[in-house]
Amino acid sequence: MTGLRDQKKQATRKTLREAALRLALERGPENVRVDDIAEAAGVSPRTYNNYFSSREQAIVAAVTAEREARIAAAVAARPAETRLADAVIEAIVELYTDPGEHHRDALLLITTRPALRAAFTDTTSAIELPLADAITERLGDIPSHVAHVLAASVTAAVRIALERWLQPLTTGGLVVPSGSLPDLLRTALAPLVPALDAAEARGDIR
């Protein structure tokens, strides 16, 4: 059970990231200072620095903060008879391509600012541990290091797909992401399918 102290920390983090995104959408991220975000959230700049290292990190967190918690649920939600590779890939595609109506403007903002794009790709590391737990839960008695290697590999593939997607094509002053993100994710993850299949077969044997 989450303690009161942790609940307060989570609430402060949420308030900060929501304030950062709101100000970025209103003013443009380049016109938002850490002091502005702290003031809007009702905390000191020092407190802000205990939670985020930059304004970009806070802005991006408003879109990605729940992803690490949702990844395990998304994998677990796939029917038990679904192949592990399919469960992982479809969960990843779902999480990264359906931001929800609330975050569509935020995602557009992120994809059109280089600093925000870099911060966005950095967030992929947050899914590694919950994904390892999800793989372990799905396969049962599997060595911890195997689940973590698989999760780290998936995380690396996701990052590569995002980096390719976020290499913008500039035409007439317009900046747009490159290619289809679902296709890029599936292509990047495809080489990992044999490893995921092997881990699943090993789990069946045990």
N, C-alpha and C. Protein backbone atom coordinates (compact mmCIF):
# COMPACT_ATOMS: atom_id res chain seq x y z
N MET A 1 0.86 -1.20 0.00
CA MET A 1 0.00 0.00 0.00
C MET A 1 0.89 1.24 0.00
N THR A 2 0.55 2.20 -0.82
CA THR A 2 1.35 3.42 -0.91
C THR A 2 1.15 4.28 0.33
N GLY A 3 2.28 4.71 0.94
CA GLY A 3 2.21 5.53 2.13
C GLY A 3 1.83 6.96 1.80
N LEU A 4 1.48 7.71 2.86
CA LEU A 4 1.06 9.10 2.68
C LEU A 4 2.17 9.93 2.05
N ARG A 5 3.41 9.70 2.48
CA ARG A 5 4.54 10.46 1.94
C ARG A 5 4.69 10.23 0.44
N ASP A 6 4.57 8.97 0.02
CA ASP A 6 4.68 8.65 -1.41
C ASP A 6 3.51 9.24 -2.19
N GLN A 7 2.34 9.23 -1.59
CA GLN A 7 1.17 9.80 -2.25
C GLN A 7 1.36 11.31 -2.48
N LYS A 8 1.93 11.98 -1.49
CA LYS A 8 2.19 13.41 -1.64
C LYS A 8 3.21 13.68 -2.73
N LYS A 9 4.24 12.84 -2.79
CA LYS A 9 5.26 13.00 -3.83
C LYS A 9 4.65 12.80 -5.21
N GLN A 10 3.83 11.78 -5.34
CA GLN A 10 3.19 11.51 -6.63
C GLN A 10 2.27 12.66 -7.03
N ALA A 11 1.57 13.22 -6.05
CA ALA A 11 0.67 14.34 -6.33
C ALA A 11 1.46 15.57 -6.77
N THR A 12 2.60 15.82 -6.11
CA THR A 12 3.43 16.96 -6.49
C THR A 12 4.00 16.79 -7.89
N ARG A 13 4.47 15.58 -8.19
CA ARG A 13 5.01 15.30 -9.53
C ARG A 13 3.94 15.52 -10.60
N LYS A 14 2.73 15.05 -10.31
CA LYS A 14 1.63 15.21 -11.27
C LYS A 14 1.30 16.68 -11.47
N THR A 15 1.25 17.44 -10.38
CA THR A 15 0.95 18.87 -10.47
C THR A 15 2.00 19.60 -11.29
N LEU A 16 3.26 19.25 -11.09
CA LEU A 16 4.36 19.89 -11.82
C LEU A 16 4.30 19.58 -13.31
N ARG A 17 4.09 18.32 -13.65
CA ARG A 17 4.09 17.99 -15.08
C ARG A 17 2.88 18.57 -15.79
N GLU A 18 1.74 18.63 -15.10
CA GLU A 18 0.55 19.22 -15.72
C GLU A 18 0.72 20.73 -15.89
N ALA A 19 1.35 21.37 -14.92
CA ALA A 19 1.62 22.81 -15.04
C ALA A 19 2.59 23.08 -16.18
N ALA A 20 3.61 22.23 -16.30
CA ALA A 20 4.61 22.41 -17.37
C ALA A 20 3.96 22.28 -18.74
N LEU A 21 3.12 21.28 -18.92
CA LEU A 21 2.47 21.09 -20.21
C LEU A 21 1.51 22.24 -20.51
N ARG A 22 0.73 22.64 -19.53
CA ARG A 22 -0.23 23.73 -19.74
C ARG A 22 0.48 25.01 -20.18
N LEU A 23 1.54 25.36 -19.50
CA LEU A 23 2.29 26.57 -19.85
C LEU A 23 2.95 26.44 -21.22
N ALA A 24 3.47 25.25 -21.53
CA ALA A 24 4.12 25.04 -22.83
C ALA A 24 3.12 25.19 -23.97
N LEU A 25 1.91 24.68 -23.78
CA LEU A 25 0.88 24.80 -24.81
C LEU A 25 0.40 26.24 -24.95
N GLU A 26 0.36 26.96 -23.84
CA GLU A 26 -0.11 28.35 -23.87
C GLU A 26 0.93 29.30 -24.46
N ARG A 27 2.21 29.11 -24.09
CA ARG A 27 3.25 30.09 -24.43
C ARG A 27 4.27 29.60 -25.45
N GLY A 28 4.32 28.28 -25.63
CA GLY A 28 5.43 27.71 -26.38
C GLY A 28 6.50 27.31 -25.38
N PRO A 29 7.07 26.11 -25.48
CA PRO A 29 8.02 25.64 -24.47
C PRO A 29 9.25 26.52 -24.31
N GLU A 30 9.68 27.18 -25.39
CA GLU A 30 10.86 28.03 -25.30
C GLU A 30 10.61 29.27 -24.45
N ASN A 31 9.36 29.57 -24.17
CA ASN A 31 9.01 30.74 -23.36
C ASN A 31 8.62 30.38 -21.93
N VAL A 32 8.90 29.15 -21.55
CA VAL A 32 8.56 28.68 -20.21
C VAL A 32 9.85 28.42 -19.43
N ARG A 33 9.94 29.00 -18.24
CA ARG A 33 11.10 28.78 -17.38
C ARG A 33 10.72 27.82 -16.25
N VAL A 34 11.74 27.22 -15.67
CA VAL A 34 11.50 26.34 -14.52
C VAL A 34 10.79 27.12 -13.41
N ASP A 35 11.20 28.37 -13.19
CA ASP A 35 10.56 29.19 -12.16
C ASP A 35 9.07 29.37 -12.43
N ASP A 36 8.71 29.50 -13.72
CA ASP A 36 7.29 29.65 -14.09
C ASP A 36 6.49 28.40 -13.73
N ILE A 37 7.08 27.24 -14.01
CA ILE A 37 6.40 25.98 -13.73
C ILE A 37 6.23 25.80 -12.23
N ALA A 38 7.31 26.08 -11.49
CA ALA A 38 7.25 25.94 -10.03
C ALA A 38 6.18 26.86 -9.44
N GLU A 39 6.13 28.10 -9.93
CA GLU A 39 5.14 29.05 -9.41
C GLU A 39 3.73 28.58 -9.72
N ALA A 40 3.50 28.10 -10.95
CA ALA A 40 2.18 27.63 -11.34
C ALA A 40 1.74 26.42 -10.52
N ALA A 41 2.72 25.63 -10.09
CA ALA A 41 2.41 24.43 -9.30
C ALA A 41 2.37 24.72 -7.80
N GLY A 42 2.76 25.93 -7.43
CA GLY A 42 2.73 26.29 -6.02
C GLY A 42 3.85 25.71 -5.20
N VAL A 43 5.02 25.51 -5.83
CA VAL A 43 6.18 24.98 -5.11
C VAL A 43 7.39 25.86 -5.43
N SER A 44 8.48 25.62 -4.76
CA SER A 44 9.71 26.37 -5.01
C SER A 44 10.48 25.76 -6.17
N PRO A 45 11.34 26.54 -6.83
CA PRO A 45 12.20 25.97 -7.88
C PRO A 45 13.06 24.83 -7.35
N ARG A 46 13.48 24.93 -6.10
CA ARG A 46 14.28 23.86 -5.51
C ARG A 46 13.48 22.56 -5.45
N THR A 47 12.21 22.67 -5.06
CA THR A 47 11.35 21.48 -5.04
C THR A 47 11.19 20.91 -6.44
N TYR A 48 11.00 21.81 -7.42
CA TYR A 48 10.89 21.37 -8.81
C TYR A 48 12.09 20.51 -9.20
N ASN A 49 13.28 20.97 -8.84
CA ASN A 49 14.51 20.26 -9.21
C ASN A 49 14.65 18.91 -8.54
N ASN A 50 13.87 18.66 -7.50
CA ASN A 50 13.87 17.34 -6.87
C ASN A 50 13.09 16.32 -7.71
N TYR A 51 12.29 16.82 -8.64
CA TYR A 51 11.44 15.94 -9.44
C TYR A 51 11.84 15.86 -10.91
N PHE A 52 12.28 16.99 -11.47
CA PHE A 52 12.63 17.02 -12.88
C PHE A 52 13.92 17.80 -13.08
N SER A 53 14.70 17.37 -14.04
CA SER A 53 15.99 18.00 -14.28
C SER A 53 15.93 19.11 -15.33
N SER A 54 14.79 19.22 -16.03
CA SER A 54 14.65 20.24 -17.06
C SER A 54 13.18 20.50 -17.31
N ARG A 55 12.87 21.58 -18.01
CA ARG A 55 11.47 21.85 -18.36
C ARG A 55 10.98 20.81 -19.37
N GLU A 56 11.89 20.38 -20.27
CA GLU A 56 11.51 19.41 -21.28
C GLU A 56 11.09 18.09 -20.64
N GLN A 57 11.83 17.68 -19.63
CA GLN A 57 11.50 16.43 -18.95
C GLN A 57 10.11 16.50 -18.32
N ALA A 58 9.80 17.64 -17.72
CA ALA A 58 8.49 17.80 -17.09
C ALA A 58 7.37 17.83 -18.12
N ILE A 59 7.59 18.53 -19.22
CA ILE A 59 6.57 18.62 -20.28
C ILE A 59 6.26 17.24 -20.85
N VAL A 60 7.31 16.51 -21.18
CA VAL A 60 7.14 15.18 -21.75
C VAL A 60 6.49 14.22 -20.75
N ALA A 61 6.83 14.37 -19.47
CA ALA A 61 6.27 13.48 -18.45
C ALA A 61 4.76 13.57 -18.38
N ALA A 62 4.20 14.72 -18.76
CA ALA A 62 2.75 14.87 -18.74
C ALA A 62 2.08 13.90 -19.71
N VAL A 63 2.79 13.50 -20.75
CA VAL A 63 2.26 12.57 -21.75
C VAL A 63 2.63 11.13 -21.43
N THR A 64 3.82 10.92 -20.90
CA THR A 64 4.36 9.56 -20.77
C THR A 64 4.32 8.98 -19.36
N ALA A 65 3.93 9.76 -18.38
CA ALA A 65 4.07 9.34 -16.98
C ALA A 65 3.37 8.03 -16.64
N GLU A 66 2.22 7.77 -17.25
CA GLU A 66 1.46 6.58 -16.89
C GLU A 66 1.88 5.34 -17.71
N ARG A 67 2.78 5.56 -18.68
CA ARG A 67 3.09 4.47 -19.60
C ARG A 67 3.73 3.27 -18.91
N GLU A 68 4.65 3.54 -17.98
CA GLU A 68 5.32 2.42 -17.32
C GLU A 68 4.34 1.57 -16.51
N ALA A 69 3.31 2.20 -15.96
CA ALA A 69 2.31 1.44 -15.22
C ALA A 69 1.37 0.70 -16.16
N ARG A 70 1.11 1.28 -17.32
CA ARG A 70 0.15 0.69 -18.25
C ARG A 70 0.72 -0.46 -19.05
N ILE A 71 2.05 -0.51 -19.21
CA ILE A 71 2.63 -1.54 -20.06
C ILE A 71 2.37 -2.94 -19.51
N ALA A 72 2.53 -3.11 -18.20
CA ALA A 72 2.29 -4.42 -17.60
C ALA A 72 0.84 -4.83 -17.77
N ALA A 73 -0.07 -3.88 -17.55
CA ALA A 73 -1.49 -4.18 -17.70
C ALA A 73 -1.85 -4.51 -19.14
N ALA A 74 -1.20 -3.81 -20.09
CA ALA A 74 -1.49 -4.05 -21.51
C ALA A 74 -1.03 -5.44 -21.94
N VAL A 75 0.12 -5.88 -21.45
CA VAL A 75 0.60 -7.23 -21.77
C VAL A 75 -0.30 -8.27 -21.10
N ALA A 76 -0.62 -8.05 -19.84
CA ALA A 76 -1.45 -9.00 -19.10
C ALA A 76 -2.85 -9.11 -19.68
N ALA A 77 -3.33 -8.03 -20.31
CA ALA A 77 -4.70 -8.03 -20.84
C ALA A 77 -4.86 -8.93 -22.06
N ARG A 78 -3.74 -9.27 -22.72
CA ARG A 78 -3.84 -10.17 -23.88
C ARG A 78 -4.25 -11.56 -23.40
N PRO A 79 -5.11 -12.25 -24.17
CA PRO A 79 -5.55 -13.59 -23.77
C PRO A 79 -4.37 -14.51 -23.50
N ALA A 80 -4.54 -15.45 -22.58
CA ALA A 80 -3.45 -16.34 -22.16
C ALA A 80 -2.88 -17.14 -23.33
N GLU A 81 -3.73 -17.45 -24.30
CA GLU A 81 -3.27 -18.25 -25.44
C GLU A 81 -2.50 -17.43 -26.47
N THR A 82 -2.47 -16.12 -26.31
CA THR A 82 -1.75 -15.26 -27.24
C THR A 82 -0.24 -15.47 -27.09
N ARG A 83 0.43 -15.62 -28.19
CA ARG A 83 1.88 -15.76 -28.19
C ARG A 83 2.52 -14.57 -27.49
N LEU A 84 3.58 -14.82 -26.71
CA LEU A 84 4.23 -13.76 -25.95
C LEU A 84 4.69 -12.62 -26.86
N ALA A 85 5.32 -12.95 -27.99
CA ALA A 85 5.81 -11.91 -28.90
C ALA A 85 4.67 -11.03 -29.38
N ASP A 86 3.54 -11.64 -29.71
CA ASP A 86 2.39 -10.86 -30.17
C ASP A 86 1.84 -9.98 -29.04
N ALA A 87 1.79 -10.53 -27.83
CA ALA A 87 1.27 -9.78 -26.70
C ALA A 87 2.13 -8.54 -26.42
N VAL A 88 3.45 -8.72 -26.46
CA VAL A 88 4.37 -7.61 -26.19
C VAL A 88 4.30 -6.57 -27.29
N ILE A 89 4.38 -7.01 -28.53
CA ILE A 89 4.41 -6.07 -29.66
C ILE A 89 3.11 -5.28 -29.74
N GLU A 90 1.97 -5.96 -29.61
CA GLU A 90 0.70 -5.25 -29.71
C GLU A 90 0.50 -4.29 -28.54
N ALA A 91 0.98 -4.67 -27.37
CA ALA A 91 0.89 -3.77 -26.21
C ALA A 91 1.73 -2.52 -26.43
N ILE A 92 2.93 -2.70 -26.97
CA ILE A 92 3.81 -1.56 -27.25
C ILE A 92 3.19 -0.65 -28.29
N VAL A 93 2.70 -1.21 -29.37
CA VAL A 93 2.08 -0.41 -30.44
C VAL A 93 0.89 0.36 -29.89
N GLU A 94 0.07 -0.31 -29.08
CA GLU A 94 -1.10 0.35 -28.50
C GLU A 94 -0.71 1.55 -27.64
N LEU A 95 0.29 1.36 -26.80
CA LEU A 95 0.68 2.43 -25.87
C LEU A 95 1.30 3.63 -26.57
N TYR A 96 2.05 3.37 -27.62
CA TYR A 96 2.76 4.46 -28.28
C TYR A 96 2.01 5.12 -29.41
N THR A 97 0.90 4.56 -29.82
CA THR A 97 0.18 5.16 -30.95
C THR A 97 -1.22 5.64 -30.60
N ASP A 98 -1.63 5.49 -29.36
CA ASP A 98 -2.95 5.96 -28.94
C ASP A 98 -2.80 6.86 -27.72
N PRO A 99 -2.38 8.11 -27.94
CA PRO A 99 -2.15 9.01 -26.82
C PRO A 99 -3.43 9.50 -26.15
N GLY A 100 -4.57 9.31 -26.81
CA GLY A 100 -5.83 9.80 -26.26
C GLY A 100 -6.06 11.25 -26.65
N GLU A 101 -7.29 11.64 -26.66
CA GLU A 101 -7.65 13.00 -27.09
C GLU A 101 -6.95 14.06 -26.23
N HIS A 102 -6.81 13.77 -24.95
CA HIS A 102 -6.24 14.75 -24.02
C HIS A 102 -4.80 15.10 -24.36
N HIS A 103 -4.08 14.17 -25.00
CA HIS A 103 -2.66 14.38 -25.22
C HIS A 103 -2.29 14.62 -26.69
N ARG A 104 -3.26 14.73 -27.57
CA ARG A 104 -2.93 14.89 -28.99
C ARG A 104 -2.19 16.20 -29.25
N ASP A 105 -2.65 17.29 -28.67
CA ASP A 105 -1.97 18.58 -28.85
C ASP A 105 -0.57 18.53 -28.24
N ALA A 106 -0.45 17.85 -27.11
CA ALA A 106 0.85 17.74 -26.45
C ALA A 106 1.83 16.95 -27.32
N LEU A 107 1.35 15.86 -27.93
CA LEU A 107 2.22 15.06 -28.77
C LEU A 107 2.67 15.85 -30.00
N LEU A 108 1.77 16.64 -30.55
CA LEU A 108 2.13 17.49 -31.69
C LEU A 108 3.22 18.48 -31.27
N LEU A 109 3.08 19.05 -30.09
CA LEU A 109 4.08 19.97 -29.57
C LEU A 109 5.43 19.28 -29.43
N ILE A 110 5.42 18.07 -28.89
CA ILE A 110 6.66 17.32 -28.67
C ILE A 110 7.36 16.99 -29.98
N THR A 111 6.59 16.56 -30.97
CA THR A 111 7.21 16.13 -32.23
C THR A 111 7.77 17.28 -33.05
N THR A 112 7.40 18.51 -32.71
CA THR A 112 7.88 19.65 -33.50
C THR A 112 8.97 20.45 -32.79
N ARG A 113 9.45 19.98 -31.64
CA ARG A 113 10.52 20.68 -30.92
C ARG A 113 11.66 19.71 -30.67
N PRO A 114 12.87 19.98 -31.19
CA PRO A 114 14.00 19.05 -31.04
C PRO A 114 14.29 18.65 -29.60
N ALA A 115 14.30 19.60 -28.68
CA ALA A 115 14.62 19.28 -27.28
C ALA A 115 13.56 18.37 -26.67
N LEU A 116 12.30 18.60 -27.04
CA LEU A 116 11.22 17.76 -26.53
C LEU A 116 11.26 16.38 -27.17
N ARG A 117 11.64 16.31 -28.43
CA ARG A 117 11.77 15.00 -29.08
C ARG A 117 12.82 14.16 -28.38
N ALA A 118 13.95 14.78 -28.04
CA ALA A 118 15.02 14.05 -27.36
C ALA A 118 14.56 13.57 -25.99
N ALA A 119 13.85 14.42 -25.26
CA ALA A 119 13.35 14.04 -23.94
C ALA A 119 12.32 12.92 -24.06
N PHE A 120 11.53 12.97 -25.13
CA PHE A 120 10.50 11.95 -25.35
C PHE A 120 11.13 10.57 -25.57
N THR A 121 12.15 10.49 -26.40
CA THR A 121 12.79 9.20 -26.64
C THR A 121 13.50 8.69 -25.39
N ASP A 122 13.96 9.59 -24.55
CA ASP A 122 14.63 9.16 -23.32
C ASP A 122 13.68 8.45 -22.36
N THR A 123 12.39 8.69 -22.49
CA THR A 123 11.44 8.10 -21.56
C THR A 123 11.23 6.60 -21.78
N THR A 124 11.73 6.07 -22.88
CA THR A 124 11.52 4.64 -23.14
C THR A 124 12.12 3.77 -22.05
N SER A 125 13.19 4.22 -21.41
CA SER A 125 13.85 3.41 -20.39
C SER A 125 12.91 3.09 -19.22
N ALA A 126 11.89 3.92 -19.02
CA ALA A 126 10.99 3.73 -17.89
C ALA A 126 10.12 2.48 -18.02
N ILE A 127 9.97 1.95 -19.24
CA ILE A 127 9.11 0.77 -19.40
C ILE A 127 9.86 -0.53 -19.16
N GLU A 128 11.18 -0.46 -19.04
CA GLU A 128 11.97 -1.70 -18.97
C GLU A 128 11.61 -2.58 -17.77
N LEU A 129 11.64 -2.04 -16.57
CA LEU A 129 11.39 -2.85 -15.39
C LEU A 129 9.95 -3.37 -15.33
N PRO A 130 8.94 -2.53 -15.56
CA PRO A 130 7.58 -3.08 -15.55
C PRO A 130 7.34 -4.09 -16.66
N LEU A 131 8.01 -3.92 -17.80
CA LEU A 131 7.87 -4.90 -18.88
C LEU A 131 8.51 -6.23 -18.48
N ALA A 132 9.66 -6.18 -17.82
CA ALA A 132 10.30 -7.41 -17.33
C ALA A 132 9.37 -8.12 -16.35
N ASP A 133 8.71 -7.37 -15.49
CA ASP A 133 7.76 -7.96 -14.54
C ASP A 133 6.58 -8.59 -15.28
N ALA A 134 6.12 -7.91 -16.35
CA ALA A 134 4.99 -8.42 -17.11
C ALA A 134 5.35 -9.73 -17.82
N ILE A 135 6.57 -9.78 -18.35
CA ILE A 135 7.04 -11.00 -19.02
C ILE A 135 7.15 -12.14 -18.02
N THR A 136 7.71 -11.86 -16.85
CA THR A 136 7.83 -12.87 -15.80
C THR A 136 6.46 -13.37 -15.37
N GLU A 137 5.53 -12.45 -15.21
CA GLU A 137 4.17 -12.81 -14.79
C GLU A 137 3.50 -13.69 -15.84
N ARG A 138 3.74 -13.38 -17.11
CA ARG A 138 3.08 -14.14 -18.17
C ARG A 138 3.68 -15.54 -18.34
N LEU A 139 4.99 -15.64 -18.18
CA LEU A 139 5.66 -16.92 -18.41
C LEU A 139 5.79 -17.76 -17.15
N GLY A 140 5.61 -17.14 -16.00
CA GLY A 140 5.72 -17.90 -14.76
C GLY A 140 7.16 -18.08 -14.33
N ASP A 141 7.59 -19.32 -14.21
CA ASP A 141 8.91 -19.63 -13.67
C ASP A 141 9.99 -19.43 -14.74
N ILE A 142 10.43 -18.19 -14.89
CA ILE A 142 11.47 -17.85 -15.87
C ILE A 142 12.58 -17.12 -15.12
N PRO A 143 13.85 -17.41 -15.43
CA PRO A 143 14.94 -16.71 -14.74
C PRO A 143 14.81 -15.19 -14.87
N SER A 144 15.07 -14.51 -13.79
CA SER A 144 14.92 -13.05 -13.76
C SER A 144 15.77 -12.38 -14.83
N HIS A 145 16.99 -12.88 -15.03
CA HIS A 145 17.88 -12.21 -15.99
C HIS A 145 17.35 -12.35 -17.41
N VAL A 146 16.66 -13.44 -17.70
CA VAL A 146 16.10 -13.63 -19.04
C VAL A 146 15.01 -12.59 -19.30
N ALA A 147 14.12 -12.41 -18.34
CA ALA A 147 13.05 -11.42 -18.50
C ALA A 147 13.63 -10.02 -18.65
N HIS A 148 14.68 -9.71 -17.90
CA HIS A 148 15.26 -8.37 -17.96
C HIS A 148 16.00 -8.13 -19.28
N VAL A 149 16.67 -9.15 -19.79
CA VAL A 149 17.34 -9.01 -21.08
C VAL A 149 16.31 -8.79 -22.19
N LEU A 150 15.24 -9.55 -22.15
CA LEU A 150 14.18 -9.38 -23.15
C LEU A 150 13.57 -7.98 -23.07
N ALA A 151 13.28 -7.54 -21.84
CA ALA A 151 12.67 -6.22 -21.67
C ALA A 151 13.61 -5.11 -22.12
N ALA A 152 14.90 -5.26 -21.81
CA ALA A 152 15.87 -4.25 -22.24
C ALA A 152 15.98 -4.20 -23.75
N SER A 153 15.90 -5.35 -24.39
CA SER A 153 15.97 -5.42 -25.85
C SER A 153 14.75 -4.76 -26.49
N VAL A 154 13.60 -5.03 -25.92
CA VAL A 154 12.37 -4.39 -26.41
C VAL A 154 12.45 -2.88 -26.25
N THR A 155 12.93 -2.44 -25.10
CA THR A 155 13.06 -1.02 -24.84
C THR A 155 14.00 -0.35 -25.86
N ALA A 156 15.12 -1.02 -26.15
CA ALA A 156 16.06 -0.47 -27.14
C ALA A 156 15.42 -0.39 -28.52
N ALA A 157 14.65 -1.40 -28.88
CA ALA A 157 13.98 -1.40 -30.18
C ALA A 157 12.96 -0.28 -30.27
N VAL A 158 12.23 -0.05 -29.19
CA VAL A 158 11.24 1.03 -29.17
C VAL A 158 11.94 2.38 -29.34
N ARG A 159 13.05 2.55 -28.65
CA ARG A 159 13.78 3.81 -28.76
C ARG A 159 14.25 4.05 -30.20
N ILE A 160 14.75 3.01 -30.84
CA ILE A 160 15.21 3.13 -32.23
C ILE A 160 14.05 3.51 -33.15
N ALA A 161 12.91 2.88 -32.94
CA ALA A 161 11.73 3.20 -33.75
C ALA A 161 11.31 4.65 -33.56
N LEU A 162 11.32 5.11 -32.31
CA LEU A 162 10.93 6.49 -32.03
C LEU A 162 11.92 7.48 -32.64
N GLU A 163 13.20 7.16 -32.56
CA GLU A 163 14.21 8.05 -33.14
C GLU A 163 14.04 8.16 -34.65
N ARG A 164 13.71 7.05 -35.30
CA ARG A 164 13.47 7.09 -36.75
C ARG A 164 12.22 7.89 -37.05
N TRP A 165 11.18 7.69 -36.25
CA TRP A 165 9.92 8.39 -36.47
C TRP A 165 10.07 9.89 -36.26
N LEU A 166 10.91 10.26 -35.32
CA LEU A 166 11.07 11.67 -34.96
C LEU A 166 12.21 12.36 -35.68
N GLN A 167 12.71 11.77 -36.77
CA GLN A 167 13.63 12.47 -37.66
C GLN A 167 12.75 13.21 -38.66
N PRO A 168 12.51 14.48 -38.44
CA PRO A 168 11.50 15.19 -39.23
C PRO A 168 11.92 15.48 -40.66
N LEU A 169 10.92 15.50 -41.51
CA LEU A 169 11.09 15.94 -42.89
C LEU A 169 10.57 17.38 -42.96
N THR A 170 11.43 18.30 -43.29
CA THR A 170 11.03 19.71 -43.32
C THR A 170 10.73 20.11 -44.76
N THR A 171 9.48 20.49 -45.00
CA THR A 171 9.06 20.89 -46.34
C THR A 171 8.23 22.16 -46.24
N GLY A 172 8.71 23.24 -46.83
CA GLY A 172 7.97 24.48 -46.80
C GLY A 172 7.69 24.99 -45.40
N GLY A 173 8.64 24.71 -44.49
CA GLY A 173 8.49 25.19 -43.12
C GLY A 173 7.70 24.26 -42.22
N LEU A 174 7.11 23.19 -42.79
CA LEU A 174 6.34 22.25 -41.99
C LEU A 174 7.23 21.11 -41.51
N VAL A 175 7.05 20.70 -40.27
CA VAL A 175 7.81 19.59 -39.71
C VAL A 175 6.84 18.47 -39.38
N VAL A 176 7.05 17.30 -39.94
CA VAL A 176 6.16 16.17 -39.69
C VAL A 176 7.00 14.94 -39.36
N PRO A 177 6.49 14.04 -38.48
CA PRO A 177 7.21 12.80 -38.20
C PRO A 177 7.37 11.98 -39.46
N SER A 178 8.38 11.11 -39.47
CA SER A 178 8.71 10.34 -40.66
C SER A 178 8.11 8.94 -40.58
N GLY A 179 7.22 8.62 -41.51
CA GLY A 179 6.69 7.27 -41.61
C GLY A 179 5.60 6.96 -40.60
N SER A 180 5.14 5.71 -40.65
CA SER A 180 4.07 5.23 -39.77
C SER A 180 4.68 4.68 -38.49
N LEU A 181 4.32 5.25 -37.34
CA LEU A 181 4.89 4.78 -36.08
C LEU A 181 4.54 3.31 -35.81
N PRO A 182 3.31 2.85 -36.00
CA PRO A 182 3.04 1.42 -35.78
C PRO A 182 3.93 0.53 -36.64
N ASP A 183 4.12 0.89 -37.91
CA ASP A 183 4.97 0.08 -38.79
C ASP A 183 6.43 0.11 -38.33
N LEU A 184 6.90 1.29 -37.91
CA LEU A 184 8.28 1.40 -37.44
C LEU A 184 8.49 0.58 -36.17
N LEU A 185 7.52 0.61 -35.27
CA LEU A 185 7.63 -0.17 -34.04
C LEU A 185 7.66 -1.67 -34.35
N ARG A 186 6.76 -2.12 -35.20
CA ARG A 186 6.72 -3.55 -35.53
C ARG A 186 8.00 -3.98 -36.24
N THR A 187 8.52 -3.14 -37.12
CA THR A 187 9.77 -3.47 -37.83
C THR A 187 10.94 -3.56 -36.87
N ALA A 188 11.02 -2.61 -35.93
CA ALA A 188 12.12 -2.61 -34.97
C ALA A 188 12.04 -3.79 -34.01
N LEU A 189 10.83 -4.20 -33.69
CA LEU A 189 10.65 -5.30 -32.73
C LEU A 189 10.72 -6.68 -33.38
N ALA A 190 10.56 -6.75 -34.69
CA ALA A 190 10.53 -8.04 -35.39
C ALA A 190 11.75 -8.92 -35.12
N PRO A 191 12.99 -8.38 -35.09
CA PRO A 191 14.15 -9.24 -34.83
C PRO A 191 14.14 -9.89 -33.44
N LEU A 192 13.31 -9.39 -32.53
CA LEU A 192 13.27 -9.95 -31.18
C LEU A 192 12.27 -11.09 -31.04
N VAL A 193 11.46 -11.32 -32.06
CA VAL A 193 10.44 -12.36 -31.99
C VAL A 193 11.04 -13.74 -31.69
N PRO A 194 12.14 -14.16 -32.35
CA PRO A 194 12.71 -15.48 -32.02
C PRO A 194 13.13 -15.60 -30.55
N ALA A 195 13.68 -14.54 -30.00
CA ALA A 195 14.10 -14.58 -28.60
C ALA A 195 12.89 -14.69 -27.67
N LEU A 196 11.84 -13.94 -27.97
CA LEU A 196 10.63 -14.02 -27.16
C LEU A 196 9.98 -15.40 -27.29
N ASP A 197 9.99 -15.96 -28.51
CA ASP A 197 9.46 -17.32 -28.72
C ASP A 197 10.26 -18.36 -27.94
N ALA A 198 11.60 -18.20 -27.95
CA ALA A 198 12.47 -19.15 -27.25
C ALA A 198 12.22 -19.09 -25.74
N ALA A 199 12.04 -17.89 -25.21
CA ALA A 199 11.78 -17.75 -23.78
C ALA A 199 10.44 -18.37 -23.43
N GLU A 200 9.47 -18.23 -24.31
CA GLU A 200 8.15 -18.80 -24.05
C GLU A 200 8.22 -20.33 -24.11
N ALA A 201 8.97 -20.89 -25.07
CA ALA A 201 9.12 -22.32 -25.17
C ALA A 201 9.83 -22.88 -23.94
N ARG A 202 10.83 -22.15 -23.46
CA ARG A 202 11.56 -22.58 -22.27
C ARG A 202 10.64 -22.59 -21.07
N GLY A 203 9.79 -21.58 -20.99
CA GLY A 203 8.84 -21.53 -19.89
C GLY A 203 7.86 -22.68 -19.94
N ASP A 204 7.44 -23.05 -21.14
CA ASP A 204 6.51 -24.18 -21.29
C ASP A 204 7.15 -25.49 -20.84
N ILE A 205 8.45 -25.62 -21.16
CA ILE A 205 9.16 -26.85 -20.79
C ILE A 205 9.28 -26.97 -19.29
N ARG A 206 9.58 -25.83 -18.64
CA ARG A 206 9.74 -25.84 -17.19
C ARG A 206 8.40 -26.09 -16.52
